Amino acid sequence: LGMSPKKVGDDIVKGTISWKGIRVTVRLTIQNRAAKVDVEPNATSLVIKQLKEPLRDRKKTKNIKHSGNLTKAQLFDIVRQMRPKSLAREFKGT
């Protein structure tokens, strides 16, 4: 690609700073030797973020149980974010 891996890694870290401790998918778009980072969260990471759980180090803490309650509005917000990825024809299929 002709780009330094350190610079690409720094761009990824800068783009995913709000998702610290949560595993997300990152889409790299490279244009004119400039990397653009897009975070593509899955449903699990969106739910964990909505639960507002404390930050954790994934290398040290394993097999964590997530607990908490989500309101219907929070759940619909997650579903609306997942809608473009869904192949469902209607909102209820998401």
C-alpha atoms as a PDB file:
ATOM      1  CA  LEU A   1       0.000   0.000   0.000  1.00  0.00           C
ATOM      2  CA  GLY A   2       2.985   2.290   0.376  1.00  0.00           C
ATOM      3  CA  MET A   3       2.024   3.491   3.836  1.00  0.00           C
ATOM      4  CA  SER A   4       3.850   3.102   7.107  1.00  0.00           C
ATOM      5  CA  PRO A   5       2.185   0.536   9.402  1.00  0.00           C
ATOM      6  CA  LYS A   6       2.856   2.747  12.422  1.00  0.00           C
ATOM      7  CA  LYS A   7       0.881   5.625  10.900  1.00  0.00           C
ATOM      8  CA  VAL A   8      -2.014   3.315   9.972  1.00  0.00           C
ATOM      9  CA  GLY A   9      -2.006   1.847  13.493  1.00  0.00           C
ATOM     10  CA  ASP A  10      -2.054   5.325  15.012  1.00  0.00           C
ATOM     11  CA  ASP A  11      -4.997   6.280  12.783  1.00  0.00           C
ATOM     12  CA  ILE A  12      -6.892   3.165  13.926  1.00  0.00           C
ATOM     13  CA  VAL A  13      -6.198   3.955  17.586  1.00  0.00           C
ATOM     14  CA  LYS A  14      -7.351   7.544  17.065  1.00  0.00           C
ATOM     15  CA  GLY A  15     -10.545   6.419  15.312  1.00  0.00           C
ATOM     16  CA  THR A  16     -11.502   3.798  17.891  1.00  0.00           C
ATOM     17  CA  ILE A  17     -10.780   5.757  21.068  1.00  0.00           C
ATOM     18  CA  SER A  18     -14.465   5.837  22.069  1.00  0.00           C
ATOM     19  CA  TRP A  19     -14.649   2.025  21.764  1.00  0.00           C
ATOM     20  CA  LYS A  20     -11.797   1.301  24.172  1.00  0.00           C
ATOM     21  CA  GLY A  21     -12.044  -2.217  25.614  1.00  0.00           C
ATOM     22  CA  ILE A  22     -14.757  -3.316  23.165  1.00  0.00           C
ATOM     23  CA  ARG A  23     -14.005  -5.357  20.066  1.00  0.00           C
ATOM     24  CA  VAL A  24     -15.182  -3.653  16.871  1.00  0.00           C
ATOM     25  CA  THR A  25     -14.562  -4.071  13.168  1.00  0.00           C
ATOM     26  CA  VAL A  26     -12.635  -1.298  11.444  1.00  0.00           C
ATOM     27  CA  ARG A  27     -12.909  -0.448   7.745  1.00  0.00           C
ATOM     28  CA  LEU A  28      -9.823   1.156   6.266  1.00  0.00           C
ATOM     29  CA  THR A  29     -10.305   3.282   3.180  1.00  0.00           C
ATOM     30  CA  ILE A  30      -7.019   4.333   1.638  1.00  0.00           C
ATOM     31  CA  GLN A  31      -7.022   7.184  -0.825  1.00  0.00           C
ATOM     32  CA  ASN A  32      -4.011   9.211  -1.951  1.00  0.00           C
ATOM     33  CA  ARG A  33      -1.846   7.442   0.646  1.00  0.00           C
ATOM     34  CA  ALA A  34      -4.124   8.653   3.452  1.00  0.00           C
ATOM     35  CA  ALA A  35      -5.963   6.115   5.595  1.00  0.00           C
ATOM     36  CA  LYS A  36      -9.539   6.865   6.605  1.00  0.00           C
ATOM     37  CA  VAL A  37     -10.864   4.796   9.511  1.00  0.00           C
ATOM     38  CA  ASP A  38     -14.549   3.837   9.761  1.00  0.00           C
ATOM     39  CA  VAL A  39     -15.739   1.913  12.821  1.00  0.00           C
ATOM     40  CA  GLU A  40     -18.294  -0.764  11.990  1.00  0.00           C
ATOM     41  CA  PRO A  41     -19.663  -2.009  15.317  1.00  0.00           C
ATOM     42  CA  ASN A  42     -21.649  -5.213  15.519  1.00  0.00           C
ATOM     43  CA  ALA A  43     -24.777  -5.695  17.633  1.00  0.00           C
ATOM     44  CA  THR A  44     -22.849  -7.123  20.589  1.00  0.00           C
ATOM     45  CA  SER A  45     -20.497  -4.183  20.884  1.00  0.00           C
ATOM     46  CA  LEU A  46     -23.400  -1.719  20.586  1.00  0.00           C
ATOM     47  CA  VAL A  47     -25.261  -3.473  23.409  1.00  0.00           C
ATOM     48  CA  ILE A  48     -22.152  -3.485  25.629  1.00  0.00           C
ATOM     49  CA  LYS A  49     -21.652   0.208  24.957  1.00  0.00           C
ATOM     50  CA  GLN A  50     -25.300   0.984  25.791  1.00  0.00           C
ATOM     51  CA  LEU A  51     -24.943  -0.896  29.098  1.00  0.00           C
ATOM     52  CA  LYS A  52     -22.203   1.620  29.988  1.00  0.00           C
ATOM     53  CA  GLU A  53     -20.006  -1.037  31.520  1.00  0.00           C
ATOM     54  CA  PRO A  54     -16.641  -0.006  32.988  1.00  0.00           C
ATOM     55  CA  LEU A  55     -13.547  -0.263  30.808  1.00  0.00           C
ATOM     56  CA  ARG A  56     -11.753  -3.580  30.941  1.00  0.00           C
ATOM     57  CA  ASP A  57      -8.479  -4.957  29.679  1.00  0.00           C
ATOM     58  CA  ARG A  58      -9.379  -7.848  27.384  1.00  0.00           C
ATOM     59  CA  LYS A  59      -5.994  -9.466  27.926  1.00  0.00           C
ATOM     60  CA  LYS A  60      -6.370  -9.651  31.695  1.00  0.00           C
ATOM     61  CA  THR A  61     -10.089 -10.149  32.403  1.00  0.00           C
ATOM     62  CA  LYS A  62     -11.702 -13.124  30.698  1.00  0.00           C
ATOM     63  CA  ASN A  63     -15.161 -14.728  30.737  1.00  0.00           C
ATOM     64  CA  ILE A  64     -16.936 -11.603  31.965  1.00  0.00           C
ATOM     65  CA  LYS A  65     -20.698 -11.675  32.493  1.00  0.00           C
ATOM     66  CA  HIS A  66     -22.538  -8.641  31.191  1.00  0.00           C
ATOM     67  CA  SER A  67     -25.588  -7.623  33.169  1.00  0.00           C
ATOM     68  CA  GLY A  68     -27.928  -4.665  33.079  1.00  0.00           C
ATOM     69  CA  ASN A  69     -31.180  -3.419  31.656  1.00  0.00           C
ATOM     70  CA  LEU A  70     -31.846  -1.593  28.416  1.00  0.00           C
ATOM     71  CA  THR A  71     -34.893   0.497  27.698  1.00  0.00           C
ATOM     72  CA  LYS A  72     -36.948  -0.102  24.592  1.00  0.00           C
ATOM     73  CA  ALA A  73     -35.702   3.227  23.166  1.00  0.00           C
ATOM     74  CA  GLN A  74     -32.063   2.184  23.662  1.00  0.00           C
ATOM     75  CA  LEU A  75     -32.737  -1.138  21.953  1.00  0.00           C
ATOM     76  CA  PHE A  76     -34.421   0.574  19.005  1.00  0.00           C
ATOM     77  CA  ASP A  77     -31.451   2.940  18.756  1.00  0.00           C
ATOM     78  CA  ILE A  78     -29.140  -0.076  18.428  1.00  0.00           C
ATOM     79  CA  VAL A  79     -31.422  -1.629  15.817  1.00  0.00           C
ATOM     80  CA  ARG A  80     -31.460   1.605  13.804  1.00  0.00           C
ATOM     81  CA  GLN A  81     -27.665   1.612  13.745  1.00  0.00           C
ATOM     82  CA  MET A  82     -27.634  -2.014  12.574  1.00  0.00           C
ATOM     83  CA  ARG A  83     -30.332  -1.441   9.922  1.00  0.00           C
ATOM     84  CA  PRO A  84     -27.979  -0.758   6.967  1.00  0.00           C
ATOM     85  CA  LYS A  85     -26.138  -4.040   7.598  1.00  0.00           C
ATOM     86  CA  SER A  86     -29.349  -6.057   7.830  1.00  0.00           C
ATOM     87  CA  LEU A  87     -30.793  -7.821   4.838  1.00  0.00           C
ATOM     88  CA  ALA A  88     -34.307  -7.592   6.288  1.00  0.00           C
ATOM     89  CA  ARG A  89     -36.879  -5.821   4.175  1.00  0.00           C
ATOM     90  CA  GLU A  90     -38.698  -4.260   7.134  1.00  0.00           C
ATOM     91  CA  PHE A  91     -37.635  -2.761  10.445  1.00  0.00           C
ATOM     92  CA  LYS A  92     -39.164  -5.600  12.476  1.00  0.00           C
ATOM     93  CA  GLY A  93     -36.887  -8.101  10.727  1.00  0.00           C
ATOM     94  CA  THR A  94     -33.801  -6.303  11.968  1.00  0.00           C
END
